[in-house]
Every structure is written in C-alpha cells, then in structure tokens.
Amino acid sequence: MLMFIANGMHQTLSFQYRLPEYKTYRQQRVPIGGQIRLSGELNEKQIDIIAQFHQKYGMVKASEIQMFKGYYIPYVYSVDAPISAEIIMELIVQNREYNRLLGEKLRAEAAIAVNALIEENAGEKLTSFEMEIFEKTDKNREEQPIGEKIVITRSKERGAPQDPGTGKGPLGIVTDFLRPKQTIKKSVF
C-alpha cells in the first residue's frame, strides 16, 4: 500500500515517522503546497500507526477534510492514491482563513489588554478606546496588508458574560472591527 502526505502549511513540513519494526525514525520533507509518497511499501497496520500518531498533530484523511471546515489542518494523507490539487488548494485556503481570523482575534485581545492597562494606570474606567493597526509591507507581497481599527466600548449593563452573538465579553466590553465579525473555531489539535 502507498501513503501520500500533502502539506497545507505555509512552511516546509519535515514529516517524521517510525515503524515498530525499525529502531530509527524516518524523515521526508514535504514542500509548501506539495505532497510526497512515503518511501517503501507499507501495510495497513503500518499506515494506521502513522496516521494515528500524526492525528494528534492535526493530520486528517484527505477525503474527510470537508468535516473540518473552519479548523486548522496542517497536513492530510491519502492511501493508494495521490491527493488532488483541488484538495490541497482547499486546505491551503482554509488554513489561510483560519490564520486571518486568529490574527483578528489576537489583535482584539491585545486591544482589550491595552485598554485594561490604561484603565489601571489612570485609575478610572474608559468609556471608549480605539486602537488602529496598520502593517508596513513589501511592494512585492501578494497578500493584502493588515489595516484595521478596533473600537472597545463598555456597555451599560455589566456583569456575567452575555450571548456570544452580541459580541459582548465577560465585562460588557464590545470589540468592533471595521470588517464584518466572524467567529473563529478551535484548532483540531
């Protein structure tokens, strides 16, 4: 049996695995957006061992990628058939979107932390706080640079966390991006 591994990350993958009958690890490099066939003929038990080991690091079967929409999947595998270019492209796009949403979430959390620090040092609560983030980029870069304004306001009602659909956090703080809000899901690992 043959096992193929495709890389959906934005960096080269050093795929390492060990089979029970051998004492040493094997390692193969998978280029960005590429795939490799693991060396040698593998039996079903060996493939299951490799897949089970890498599952905890986020690897899923290529045919099951639709079940993990919105999650970060670093790499996928297939048995006896190469992984199609469409699946690899879908994986890369999905991971890029995950990273974009995670970046927005982390920048919002940073703005909340800065707001809290200012309030602590000033000794009083701010009613509104705006933070703008702009990325300086290369002219040769294809991706759109980051440019967003984060507005943090306190709602009139404070207390327990409210409905997540409202965007209000545990202290009644609302973060608002210039872009439409989107939720971010956890990574699979």
Protein backbone atom coordinates (compact mmCIF):
# COMPACT_ATOMS: atom_id res chain seq x y z
CA MET A 1 0.00 0.00 0.00
CA LEU A 2 1.12 3.55 -0.66
CA MET A 3 0.65 6.55 1.65
CA PHE A 4 0.67 10.14 0.40
CA ILE A 5 1.12 13.21 2.61
CA ALA A 6 0.14 16.76 1.48
CA ASN A 7 1.31 19.93 3.22
CA GLY A 8 -1.26 22.68 3.81
CA MET A 9 1.01 24.93 5.87
CA HIS A 10 2.95 27.98 4.75
CA GLN A 11 6.25 26.33 5.57
CA THR A 12 8.07 23.18 4.53
CA LEU A 13 6.97 20.16 6.55
CA SER A 14 9.52 17.74 7.94
CA PHE A 15 7.34 14.62 8.17
CA GLN A 16 8.81 12.15 10.66
CA TYR A 17 7.52 8.70 11.43
CA ARG A 18 8.70 5.45 12.97
CA LEU A 19 7.52 1.96 12.27
CA PRO A 20 7.53 -0.55 15.15
CA GLU A 21 9.84 -2.99 13.37
CA TYR A 22 12.57 -0.33 13.00
CA LYS A 23 14.52 1.44 15.75
CA THR A 24 15.09 4.69 13.88
CA TYR A 25 12.79 7.44 12.66
CA ARG A 26 12.29 8.15 9.02
CA GLN A 27 12.01 11.69 7.77
CA GLN A 28 10.81 13.16 4.49
CA ARG A 29 10.38 16.81 3.54
CA VAL A 30 7.06 17.97 2.09
CA PRO A 31 7.24 21.29 0.24
CA ILE A 32 4.74 24.09 0.80
CA GLY A 33 1.52 23.15 -1.03
CA GLY A 34 3.10 19.90 -2.21
CA GLN A 35 2.83 16.22 -1.46
CA ILE A 36 5.08 13.20 -1.18
CA ARG A 37 4.70 9.44 -1.18
CA LEU A 38 6.18 7.81 1.89
CA SER A 39 9.08 5.61 0.90
CA GLY A 40 8.60 1.88 0.66
CA GLU A 41 5.60 -0.40 0.59
CA LEU A 42 3.52 -0.12 3.73
CA ASN A 43 0.92 -2.50 5.05
CA GLU A 44 -2.42 -1.46 6.55
CA LYS A 45 -1.16 -1.76 10.14
CA GLN A 46 1.84 0.49 9.44
CA ILE A 47 -0.36 3.11 7.78
CA ASP A 48 -2.74 3.03 10.74
CA ILE A 49 0.18 3.54 13.15
CA ILE A 50 1.49 6.53 11.17
CA ALA A 51 -1.97 8.07 10.79
CA GLN A 52 -2.86 7.54 14.45
CA PHE A 53 0.42 9.10 15.63
CA HIS A 54 0.07 12.20 13.44
CA GLN A 55 -3.64 12.60 14.16
CA LYS A 56 -2.79 14.34 17.44
CA TYR A 57 -0.82 16.92 15.43
CA GLY A 58 -3.82 17.70 13.22
CA MET A 59 -3.40 15.30 10.28
CA VAL A 60 -6.67 14.04 8.79
CA LYS A 61 -7.59 11.88 5.84
CA ALA A 62 -7.84 13.94 2.64
CA SER A 63 -11.33 12.59 1.93
CA GLU A 64 -12.54 13.88 5.34
CA ILE A 65 -11.38 17.49 5.00
CA GLN A 66 -14.99 18.68 4.49
CA MET A 67 -15.78 17.58 8.05
CA PHE A 68 -13.18 20.01 9.42
CA LYS A 69 -14.30 23.28 7.81
CA GLY A 70 -13.13 26.24 9.89
CA TYR A 71 -10.34 24.31 11.59
CA TYR A 72 -6.58 24.49 11.08
CA ILE A 73 -5.38 21.31 9.35
CA PRO A 74 -1.59 21.32 8.84
CA TYR A 75 -1.43 18.26 6.60
CA VAL A 76 -3.58 15.48 5.16
CA TYR A 77 -2.99 11.93 3.96
CA SER A 78 -4.34 9.53 1.41
CA VAL A 79 -3.88 5.79 0.90
CA ASP A 80 -3.08 4.31 -2.53
CA ALA A 81 -3.99 7.49 -4.47
CA PRO A 82 -2.29 10.87 -4.71
CA ILE A 83 -4.12 13.81 -3.16
CA SER A 84 -5.78 16.00 -5.78
CA ALA A 85 -4.62 19.56 -6.36
CA GLU A 86 -8.16 20.77 -5.54
CA ILE A 87 -7.99 19.26 -2.05
CA ILE A 88 -4.53 20.73 -1.41
CA MET A 89 -5.71 24.15 -2.59
CA GLU A 90 -8.83 23.93 -0.43
CA LEU A 91 -6.62 23.01 2.54
CA ILE A 92 -4.31 25.99 1.98
CA VAL A 93 -7.23 28.43 1.59
CA GLN A 94 -8.91 27.03 4.71
CA ASN A 95 -5.71 27.38 6.76
CA ARG A 96 -5.10 30.91 5.49
CA GLU A 97 -8.63 31.94 6.50
CA TYR A 98 -8.17 30.29 9.92
CA ASN A 99 -4.91 32.25 10.43
CA ARG A 100 -6.56 35.51 9.33
CA LEU A 101 -9.40 35.08 11.81
CA LEU A 102 -7.00 34.07 14.56
CA GLY A 103 -4.96 37.21 13.89
CA GLU A 104 -8.06 39.38 14.20
CA LYS A 105 -8.99 37.68 17.46
CA LEU A 106 -5.49 38.12 18.91
CA ARG A 107 -5.35 41.79 17.89
CA ALA A 108 -8.73 42.37 19.56
CA GLU A 109 -7.48 40.68 22.74
CA ALA A 110 -4.34 42.85 22.62
CA ALA A 111 -6.52 45.96 22.36
CA ILE A 112 -8.56 44.83 25.37
CA ALA A 113 -5.32 44.25 27.33
CA VAL A 114 -4.01 47.74 26.40
CA ASN A 115 -7.38 49.22 27.43
CA ALA A 116 -7.18 47.43 30.79
CA LEU A 117 -3.61 48.62 31.36
CA ILE A 118 -4.55 52.24 30.62
CA GLU A 119 -7.53 51.99 32.98
CA GLU A 120 -5.34 50.51 35.70
CA ASN A 121 -2.74 53.26 35.38
CA ALA A 122 -5.31 56.06 35.05
CA GLY A 123 -7.38 54.81 37.97
CA GLU A 124 -10.66 55.19 36.12
CA LYS A 125 -12.72 53.34 33.54
CA LEU A 126 -12.62 54.39 29.90
CA THR A 127 -15.96 54.62 28.13
CA SER A 128 -14.42 54.13 24.70
CA PHE A 129 -11.00 53.14 23.36
CA GLU A 130 -9.84 52.95 19.75
CA MET A 131 -6.73 51.19 18.51
CA GLU A 132 -5.57 51.23 14.89
CA ILE A 133 -3.17 48.66 13.49
CA PHE A 134 -1.50 49.05 10.11
CA GLU A 135 1.10 46.77 8.61
CA LYS A 136 4.02 48.05 6.58
CA THR A 137 4.62 45.70 3.66
CA ASP A 138 6.83 44.94 0.72
CA LYS A 139 5.75 46.09 -2.71
CA ASN A 140 6.34 42.53 -3.97
CA ARG A 141 3.98 40.94 -1.46
CA GLU A 142 0.81 39.45 -2.92
CA GLU A 143 -1.25 39.42 0.28
CA GLN A 144 -3.24 42.42 1.38
CA PRO A 145 -1.60 44.17 4.36
CA ILE A 146 -3.32 44.31 7.73
CA GLY A 147 -5.13 47.55 8.37
CA GLU A 148 -7.87 47.63 10.96
CA LYS A 149 -9.36 49.82 13.62
CA ILE A 150 -10.53 48.15 16.82
CA VAL A 151 -13.06 50.00 18.95
CA ILE A 152 -13.63 48.94 22.55
CA THR A 153 -16.66 50.32 24.39
CA ARG A 154 -18.30 49.49 27.67
CA SER A 155 -21.95 48.51 27.54
CA LYS A 156 -24.43 49.98 30.02
CA GLU A 157 -25.00 46.58 31.59
CA ARG A 158 -22.03 44.94 33.29
CA GLY A 159 -21.74 41.54 34.82
CA ALA A 160 -21.88 37.98 33.58
CA PRO A 161 -21.00 37.07 30.00
CA GLN A 162 -23.80 37.68 27.59
CA ASP A 163 -24.90 35.94 24.42
CA PRO A 164 -21.84 35.36 22.17
CA GLY A 165 -23.88 36.57 19.21
CA THR A 166 -23.89 40.09 20.67
CA GLY A 167 -20.09 40.32 20.67
CA LYS A 168 -20.05 41.36 24.35
CA GLY A 169 -17.30 39.92 26.51
CA PRO A 170 -17.37 38.97 30.19
CA LEU A 171 -17.03 42.58 31.41
CA GLY A 172 -19.55 44.02 29.00
CA ILE A 173 -16.75 45.12 26.66
CA VAL A 174 -17.62 45.20 22.98
CA THR A 175 -14.98 44.97 20.29
CA ASP A 176 -15.88 46.17 16.84
CA PHE A 177 -13.81 45.78 13.68
CA LEU A 178 -14.18 47.76 10.50
CA ARG A 179 -14.77 44.38 8.82
CA PRO A 180 -17.80 42.16 9.45
CA LYS A 181 -17.44 39.98 12.52
CA GLN A 182 -16.68 36.30 12.09
CA THR A 183 -16.22 33.58 14.66
CA ILE A 184 -13.07 31.50 14.96
CA LYS A 185 -13.13 27.83 15.77
CA LYS A 186 -10.58 25.90 17.73
CA SER A 187 -7.78 24.00 16.06
CA VAL A 188 -8.33 20.26 15.79
CA PHE A 189 -5.30 19.56 17.98
